Every structure is written in structure tokens, then in C-alpha cells.
Amino acid sequence: MRRDQVLIRGLEIEVIVGILEGERTKPQALRFDLDLTVDFARIRHPEDYDHIVDYAAVSRSIQDLAQQGRYLLLETLGDDLCNLLFSRWPIERIRLVIEKPEAVAEARWVGIEMERSRP
């Protein structure tokens, strides 16, 4: 079984996210780590662009969705991100970690981790 991956680490985006009153008005930083499982064997030449997962475009899509959504829960944001990425690129599996560093003063960060496979 092939396990080729496109990796994105430490993508930091300022967003409105959370259920507390203060979180609903002031943007806070979230950090995203993604492992995107793809099939590199399908990419042999530059003209095979339909099979390329463009990490810059993925990063922009994450930023756009996260900033427009004004999510209450990281879990909902993560699920929507996975669905969006599957709809746009030939990704077989996604492992996503979203860190919320400002949520708990005593912790370096809190967050979620999820894995999804293409439906």
C-alpha cells in the first residue's frame, strides 16, 4: 500500500472561533498541521496537474474557510475543512490537527486531532 503524503505544518491563521463571549469578538491564532495522503504515482509529468495537491492552494482554502466561518467549535471547523479538501483535490486520507494556543493559560495549547478517509 502506498503512503505518499503532502505535509503542511504550523499553518497559523487568525480567526474568530469559540463559544465564550470574548472569543466571538476577537480573532485568535489557530495552528493547523495536515498529513494529506495522495498517490504520487499518478503524477509523472507537469501536465498531470489534475492529480497534484497544491499545498499553497490548500493553505489558502483553509485560511478562507476558517476566516469566513466564525465557528463555535474546532470540531465543526475540522469536519468542514476535511469535506472541502476532499471535494477539491484527489486526497485519499486526511490527518488534521488544529491547535488553539490561547484557550487555556496553563497549557501550551489545546486542540483536536481527526482522521478522515475519502468517502
N, C-alpha and C. Protein backbone atom coordinates (compact mmCIF):
# COMPACT_ATOMS: atom_id res chain seq x y z
N MET A 1 0.84 -1.18 0.00
CA MET A 1 0.00 0.00 0.00
C MET A 1 0.89 1.25 0.00
N ARG A 2 0.62 2.16 -0.90
CA ARG A 2 1.37 3.41 -0.97
C ARG A 2 0.92 4.34 0.14
N ARG A 3 1.86 5.10 0.63
CA ARG A 3 1.53 6.09 1.66
C ARG A 3 2.29 7.38 1.37
N ASP A 4 2.02 7.94 0.22
CA ASP A 4 2.62 9.21 -0.17
C ASP A 4 1.83 10.33 0.51
N GLN A 5 2.56 11.35 0.98
CA GLN A 5 1.87 12.40 1.72
C GLN A 5 2.37 13.79 1.35
N VAL A 6 1.43 14.70 1.29
CA VAL A 6 1.72 16.12 1.25
C VAL A 6 1.55 16.60 2.69
N LEU A 7 2.56 17.29 3.22
CA LEU A 7 2.54 17.72 4.61
C LEU A 7 2.48 19.24 4.71
N ILE A 8 1.66 19.72 5.61
CA ILE A 8 1.59 21.15 5.93
C ILE A 8 1.74 21.22 7.44
N ARG A 9 2.70 22.01 7.91
CA ARG A 9 2.97 22.11 9.35
C ARG A 9 2.95 23.57 9.81
N GLY A 10 2.26 23.79 10.92
CA GLY A 10 2.30 25.10 11.57
C GLY A 10 1.65 26.23 10.80
N LEU A 11 0.64 25.91 9.99
CA LEU A 11 -0.08 26.96 9.26
C LEU A 11 -0.87 27.78 10.29
N GLU A 12 -0.50 29.03 10.48
CA GLU A 12 -1.13 29.86 11.50
C GLU A 12 -2.09 30.85 10.87
N ILE A 13 -3.32 30.87 11.40
CA ILE A 13 -4.38 31.72 10.86
C ILE A 13 -5.11 32.38 12.03
N GLU A 14 -5.35 33.67 11.92
CA GLU A 14 -6.13 34.41 12.91
C GLU A 14 -7.62 34.29 12.55
N VAL A 15 -8.41 33.77 13.50
CA VAL A 15 -9.83 33.55 13.21
C VAL A 15 -10.68 33.86 14.44
N ILE A 16 -11.96 34.05 14.19
CA ILE A 16 -12.96 34.10 15.25
C ILE A 16 -13.45 32.67 15.45
N VAL A 17 -13.19 32.11 16.63
CA VAL A 17 -13.61 30.74 16.90
C VAL A 17 -13.78 30.56 18.41
N GLY A 18 -14.84 29.86 18.80
CA GLY A 18 -15.06 29.57 20.21
C GLY A 18 -16.47 29.90 20.63
N ILE A 19 -16.81 29.43 21.83
CA ILE A 19 -18.16 29.64 22.34
C ILE A 19 -18.24 30.73 23.41
N LEU A 20 -17.09 31.11 23.97
CA LEU A 20 -17.09 32.14 25.00
C LEU A 20 -17.29 33.52 24.38
N GLU A 21 -17.89 34.42 25.14
CA GLU A 21 -18.22 35.75 24.61
C GLU A 21 -16.98 36.46 24.05
N GLY A 22 -15.88 36.42 24.77
CA GLY A 22 -14.66 37.08 24.31
C GLY A 22 -14.10 36.48 23.03
N GLU A 23 -14.34 35.20 22.82
CA GLU A 23 -13.85 34.53 21.61
C GLU A 23 -14.66 34.91 20.38
N ARG A 24 -15.86 35.42 20.58
CA ARG A 24 -16.74 35.73 19.46
C ARG A 24 -16.45 37.10 18.84
N THR A 25 -15.60 37.90 19.50
CA THR A 25 -15.34 39.25 19.00
C THR A 25 -13.88 39.49 18.63
N LYS A 26 -12.96 38.73 19.22
CA LYS A 26 -11.54 38.97 19.00
C LYS A 26 -10.90 37.77 18.29
N PRO A 27 -10.28 38.00 17.14
CA PRO A 27 -9.60 36.89 16.46
C PRO A 27 -8.48 36.32 17.33
N GLN A 28 -8.28 35.02 17.22
CA GLN A 28 -7.18 34.36 17.90
C GLN A 28 -6.48 33.42 16.93
N ALA A 29 -5.23 33.14 17.22
CA ALA A 29 -4.44 32.30 16.32
C ALA A 29 -4.82 30.83 16.49
N LEU A 30 -4.97 30.16 15.38
CA LEU A 30 -5.05 28.70 15.33
C LEU A 30 -3.87 28.22 14.51
N ARG A 31 -3.36 27.03 14.85
CA ARG A 31 -2.30 26.41 14.06
C ARG A 31 -2.81 25.08 13.51
N PHE A 32 -2.52 24.86 12.24
CA PHE A 32 -3.00 23.68 11.54
C PHE A 32 -1.82 22.83 11.09
N ASP A 33 -1.90 21.53 11.35
CA ASP A 33 -0.97 20.54 10.80
C ASP A 33 -1.80 19.55 10.01
N LEU A 34 -1.37 19.26 8.79
CA LEU A 34 -2.10 18.31 7.94
C LEU A 34 -1.17 17.29 7.32
N ASP A 35 -1.61 16.04 7.29
CA ASP A 35 -1.00 14.98 6.51
C ASP A 35 -2.05 14.59 5.47
N LEU A 36 -1.75 14.83 4.21
CA LEU A 36 -2.69 14.54 3.13
C LEU A 36 -2.15 13.36 2.33
N THR A 37 -2.81 12.23 2.42
CA THR A 37 -2.36 11.04 1.71
C THR A 37 -2.86 11.10 0.27
N VAL A 38 -1.91 11.00 -0.65
CA VAL A 38 -2.21 11.06 -2.08
C VAL A 38 -1.42 9.96 -2.78
N ASP A 39 -1.64 9.80 -4.07
CA ASP A 39 -0.92 8.80 -4.85
C ASP A 39 0.05 9.52 -5.78
N PHE A 40 1.33 9.61 -5.38
CA PHE A 40 2.33 10.29 -6.20
C PHE A 40 2.57 9.56 -7.52
N ALA A 41 2.23 8.28 -7.60
CA ALA A 41 2.44 7.53 -8.85
C ALA A 41 1.60 8.09 -9.99
N ARG A 42 0.53 8.78 -9.66
CA ARG A 42 -0.34 9.35 -10.70
C ARG A 42 0.23 10.65 -11.26
N ILE A 43 1.31 11.15 -10.65
CA ILE A 43 1.91 12.41 -11.08
C ILE A 43 3.26 12.10 -11.72
N ARG A 44 3.29 12.05 -13.03
CA ARG A 44 4.53 11.74 -13.74
C ARG A 44 5.09 12.94 -14.47
N HIS A 45 4.22 13.83 -14.89
CA HIS A 45 4.63 14.96 -15.71
C HIS A 45 3.87 16.20 -15.25
N PRO A 46 4.41 17.38 -15.55
CA PRO A 46 3.71 18.61 -15.17
C PRO A 46 2.28 18.68 -15.72
N GLU A 47 2.03 18.03 -16.84
CA GLU A 47 0.67 18.08 -17.40
C GLU A 47 -0.33 17.23 -16.61
N ASP A 48 0.17 16.45 -15.64
CA ASP A 48 -0.72 15.67 -14.78
C ASP A 48 -1.26 16.52 -13.63
N TYR A 49 -1.46 17.78 -13.91
CA TYR A 49 -1.83 18.74 -12.87
C TYR A 49 -3.13 18.38 -12.14
N ASP A 50 -4.04 17.68 -12.78
CA ASP A 50 -5.30 17.30 -12.13
C ASP A 50 -5.07 16.41 -10.91
N HIS A 51 -3.92 15.75 -10.85
CA HIS A 51 -3.64 14.83 -9.75
C HIS A 51 -2.72 15.44 -8.70
N ILE A 52 -2.34 16.69 -8.87
CA ILE A 52 -1.43 17.36 -7.94
C ILE A 52 -2.24 18.01 -6.82
N VAL A 53 -1.77 17.84 -5.59
CA VAL A 53 -2.34 18.54 -4.44
C VAL A 53 -1.42 19.72 -4.17
N ASP A 54 -1.85 20.89 -4.54
CA ASP A 54 -1.07 22.13 -4.44
C ASP A 54 -1.15 22.65 -3.00
N TYR A 55 -0.06 22.51 -2.26
CA TYR A 55 -0.10 22.87 -0.84
C TYR A 55 -0.36 24.35 -0.62
N ALA A 56 0.04 25.22 -1.54
CA ALA A 56 -0.27 26.64 -1.40
C ALA A 56 -1.77 26.88 -1.56
N ALA A 57 -2.38 26.21 -2.53
CA ALA A 57 -3.83 26.35 -2.73
C ALA A 57 -4.61 25.74 -1.57
N VAL A 58 -4.12 24.61 -1.05
CA VAL A 58 -4.76 24.00 0.13
C VAL A 58 -4.70 24.98 1.30
N SER A 59 -3.55 25.58 1.52
CA SER A 59 -3.38 26.53 2.63
C SER A 59 -4.32 27.73 2.48
N ARG A 60 -4.45 28.24 1.27
CA ARG A 60 -5.37 29.36 1.03
C ARG A 60 -6.82 28.95 1.30
N SER A 61 -7.18 27.75 0.88
CA SER A 61 -8.55 27.27 1.11
C SER A 61 -8.84 27.13 2.60
N ILE A 62 -7.87 26.63 3.35
CA ILE A 62 -8.04 26.51 4.80
C ILE A 62 -8.23 27.90 5.41
N GLN A 63 -7.39 28.83 5.00
CA GLN A 63 -7.49 30.19 5.52
C GLN A 63 -8.84 30.81 5.19
N ASP A 64 -9.28 30.69 3.96
CA ASP A 64 -10.56 31.27 3.55
C ASP A 64 -11.72 30.70 4.36
N LEU A 65 -11.78 29.38 4.48
CA LEU A 65 -12.89 28.75 5.20
C LEU A 65 -12.84 29.12 6.68
N ALA A 66 -11.67 29.05 7.28
CA ALA A 66 -11.55 29.33 8.72
C ALA A 66 -11.91 30.77 9.05
N GLN A 67 -11.51 31.70 8.20
CA GLN A 67 -11.78 33.11 8.48
C GLN A 67 -13.21 33.51 8.16
N GLN A 68 -13.85 32.86 7.23
CA GLN A 68 -15.22 33.20 6.88
C GLN A 68 -16.25 32.54 7.78
N GLY A 69 -15.88 31.40 8.37
CA GLY A 69 -16.85 30.58 9.07
C GLY A 69 -17.32 31.07 10.41
N ARG A 70 -16.47 31.76 11.18
CA ARG A 70 -16.81 32.17 12.55
C ARG A 70 -17.39 30.98 13.31
N TYR A 71 -16.59 29.94 13.43
CA TYR A 71 -17.02 28.68 14.03
C TYR A 71 -17.10 28.77 15.55
N LEU A 72 -18.03 28.02 16.11
CA LEU A 72 -18.12 27.87 17.56
C LEU A 72 -17.17 26.78 18.04
N LEU A 73 -17.04 25.72 17.27
CA LEU A 73 -16.27 24.55 17.70
C LEU A 73 -15.17 24.20 16.69
N LEU A 74 -14.00 23.83 17.21
CA LEU A 74 -12.93 23.35 16.34
C LEU A 74 -13.35 22.08 15.61
N GLU A 75 -14.16 21.27 16.27
CA GLU A 75 -14.61 20.01 15.67
C GLU A 75 -15.40 20.26 14.38
N THR A 76 -16.26 21.26 14.39
CA THR A 76 -17.04 21.60 13.21
C THR A 76 -16.15 22.18 12.12
N LEU A 77 -15.24 23.05 12.50
CA LEU A 77 -14.28 23.61 11.55
C LEU A 77 -13.47 22.49 10.90
N GLY A 78 -12.97 21.57 11.71
CA GLY A 78 -12.17 20.46 11.17
C GLY A 78 -12.95 19.59 10.20
N ASP A 79 -14.18 19.27 10.56
CA ASP A 79 -15.01 18.45 9.68
C ASP A 79 -15.28 19.16 8.36
N ASP A 80 -15.61 20.44 8.42
CA ASP A 80 -15.85 21.21 7.19
C ASP A 80 -14.59 21.30 6.33
N LEU A 81 -13.43 21.46 6.97
CA LEU A 81 -12.17 21.52 6.22
C LEU A 81 -11.91 20.21 5.48
N CYS A 82 -12.10 19.09 6.17
CA CYS A 82 -11.88 17.80 5.52
C CYS A 82 -12.81 17.63 4.32
N ASN A 83 -14.08 17.95 4.49
CA ASN A 83 -15.03 17.84 3.38
C ASN A 83 -14.63 18.73 2.21
N LEU A 84 -14.18 19.95 2.50
CA LEU A 84 -13.75 20.86 1.45
C LEU A 84 -12.54 20.31 0.69
N LEU A 85 -11.55 19.82 1.42
CA LEU A 85 -10.34 19.31 0.77
C LEU A 85 -10.64 18.08 -0.08
N PHE A 86 -11.48 17.18 0.40
CA PHE A 86 -11.86 16.02 -0.41
C PHE A 86 -12.60 16.45 -1.68
N SER A 87 -13.37 17.52 -1.59
CA SER A 87 -14.15 17.95 -2.76
C SER A 87 -13.28 18.61 -3.83
N ARG A 88 -12.11 19.11 -3.46
CA ARG A 88 -11.28 19.86 -4.41
C ARG A 88 -10.05 19.13 -4.93
N TRP A 89 -9.54 18.17 -4.18
CA TRP A 89 -8.29 17.51 -4.57
C TRP A 89 -8.39 16.00 -4.44
N PRO A 90 -7.53 15.27 -5.17
CA PRO A 90 -7.55 13.80 -5.12
C PRO A 90 -6.82 13.27 -3.88
N ILE A 91 -7.34 13.61 -2.74
CA ILE A 91 -6.75 13.20 -1.45
C ILE A 91 -7.47 11.94 -1.00
N GLU A 92 -6.69 10.94 -0.57
CA GLU A 92 -7.28 9.68 -0.12
C GLU A 92 -7.61 9.70 1.37
N ARG A 93 -6.74 10.34 2.15
CA ARG A 93 -6.91 10.37 3.60
C ARG A 93 -6.36 11.69 4.14
N ILE A 94 -6.98 12.18 5.21
CA ILE A 94 -6.54 13.42 5.85
C ILE A 94 -6.35 13.16 7.34
N ARG A 95 -5.21 13.58 7.84
CA ARG A 95 -4.99 13.67 9.28
C ARG A 95 -4.83 15.16 9.57
N LEU A 96 -5.66 15.68 10.46
CA LEU A 96 -5.70 17.12 10.74
C LEU A 96 -5.57 17.36 12.24
N VAL A 97 -4.66 18.26 12.60
CA VAL A 97 -4.55 18.73 13.98
C VAL A 97 -4.77 20.23 13.96
N ILE A 98 -5.67 20.70 14.82
CA ILE A 98 -5.89 22.14 14.99
C ILE A 98 -5.52 22.49 16.43
N GLU A 99 -4.54 23.37 16.58
CA GLU A 99 -4.10 23.82 17.89
C GLU A 99 -4.70 25.20 18.19
N LYS A 100 -5.12 25.36 19.44
CA LYS A 100 -5.68 26.63 19.91
C LYS A 100 -4.83 27.08 21.11
N PRO A 101 -3.74 27.81 20.84
CA PRO A 101 -2.77 28.11 21.90
C PRO A 101 -3.27 29.04 23.00
N GLU A 102 -4.23 29.88 22.74
CA GLU A 102 -4.65 30.88 23.72
C GLU A 102 -5.83 30.43 24.58
N ALA A 103 -6.30 29.21 24.41
CA ALA A 103 -7.54 28.79 25.08
C ALA A 103 -7.37 28.55 26.57
N VAL A 104 -6.27 27.94 26.98
CA VAL A 104 -6.04 27.61 28.39
C VAL A 104 -4.66 28.16 28.78
N ALA A 105 -4.66 29.11 29.69
CA ALA A 105 -3.41 29.80 30.05
C ALA A 105 -2.33 28.84 30.55
N GLU A 106 -2.72 27.80 31.24
CA GLU A 106 -1.74 26.87 31.83
C GLU A 106 -1.21 25.85 30.82
N ALA A 107 -1.79 25.79 29.65
CA ALA A 107 -1.37 24.81 28.64
C ALA A 107 -0.68 25.52 27.48
N ARG A 108 0.30 24.86 26.91
CA ARG A 108 0.94 25.43 25.72
C ARG A 108 -0.07 25.57 24.60
N TRP A 109 -0.93 24.57 24.45
CA TRP A 109 -2.05 24.63 23.51
C TRP A 109 -3.02 23.51 23.81
N VAL A 110 -4.25 23.69 23.39
CA VAL A 110 -5.27 22.64 23.38
C VAL A 110 -5.76 22.53 21.95
N GLY A 111 -6.45 21.47 21.63
CA GLY A 111 -6.93 21.36 20.26
C GLY A 111 -7.58 20.02 19.98
N ILE A 112 -7.67 19.74 18.70
CA ILE A 112 -8.29 18.50 18.24
C ILE A 112 -7.39 17.82 17.21
N GLU A 113 -7.60 16.53 17.08
CA GLU A 113 -6.97 15.75 16.01
C GLU A 113 -8.05 14.88 15.40
N MET A 114 -8.10 14.83 14.08
CA MET A 114 -9.07 13.96 13.42
C MET A 114 -8.44 13.33 12.19
N GLU A 115 -8.93 12.17 11.84
CA GLU A 115 -8.54 11.49 10.60
C GLU A 115 -9.79 11.14 9.83
N ARG A 116 -9.73 11.39 8.54
CA ARG A 116 -10.86 11.08 7.66
C ARG A 116 -10.33 10.43 6.39
N SER A 117 -11.09 9.50 5.86
CA SER A 117 -10.78 8.89 4.57
C SER A 117 -11.81 9.34 3.56
N ARG A 118 -11.39 9.36 2.31
CA ARG A 118 -12.30 9.78 1.24
C ARG A 118 -13.57 8.93 1.30
N PRO A 119 -14.73 9.61 1.28
CA PRO A 119 -16.00 8.87 1.33
C PRO A 119 -16.21 8.01 0.09
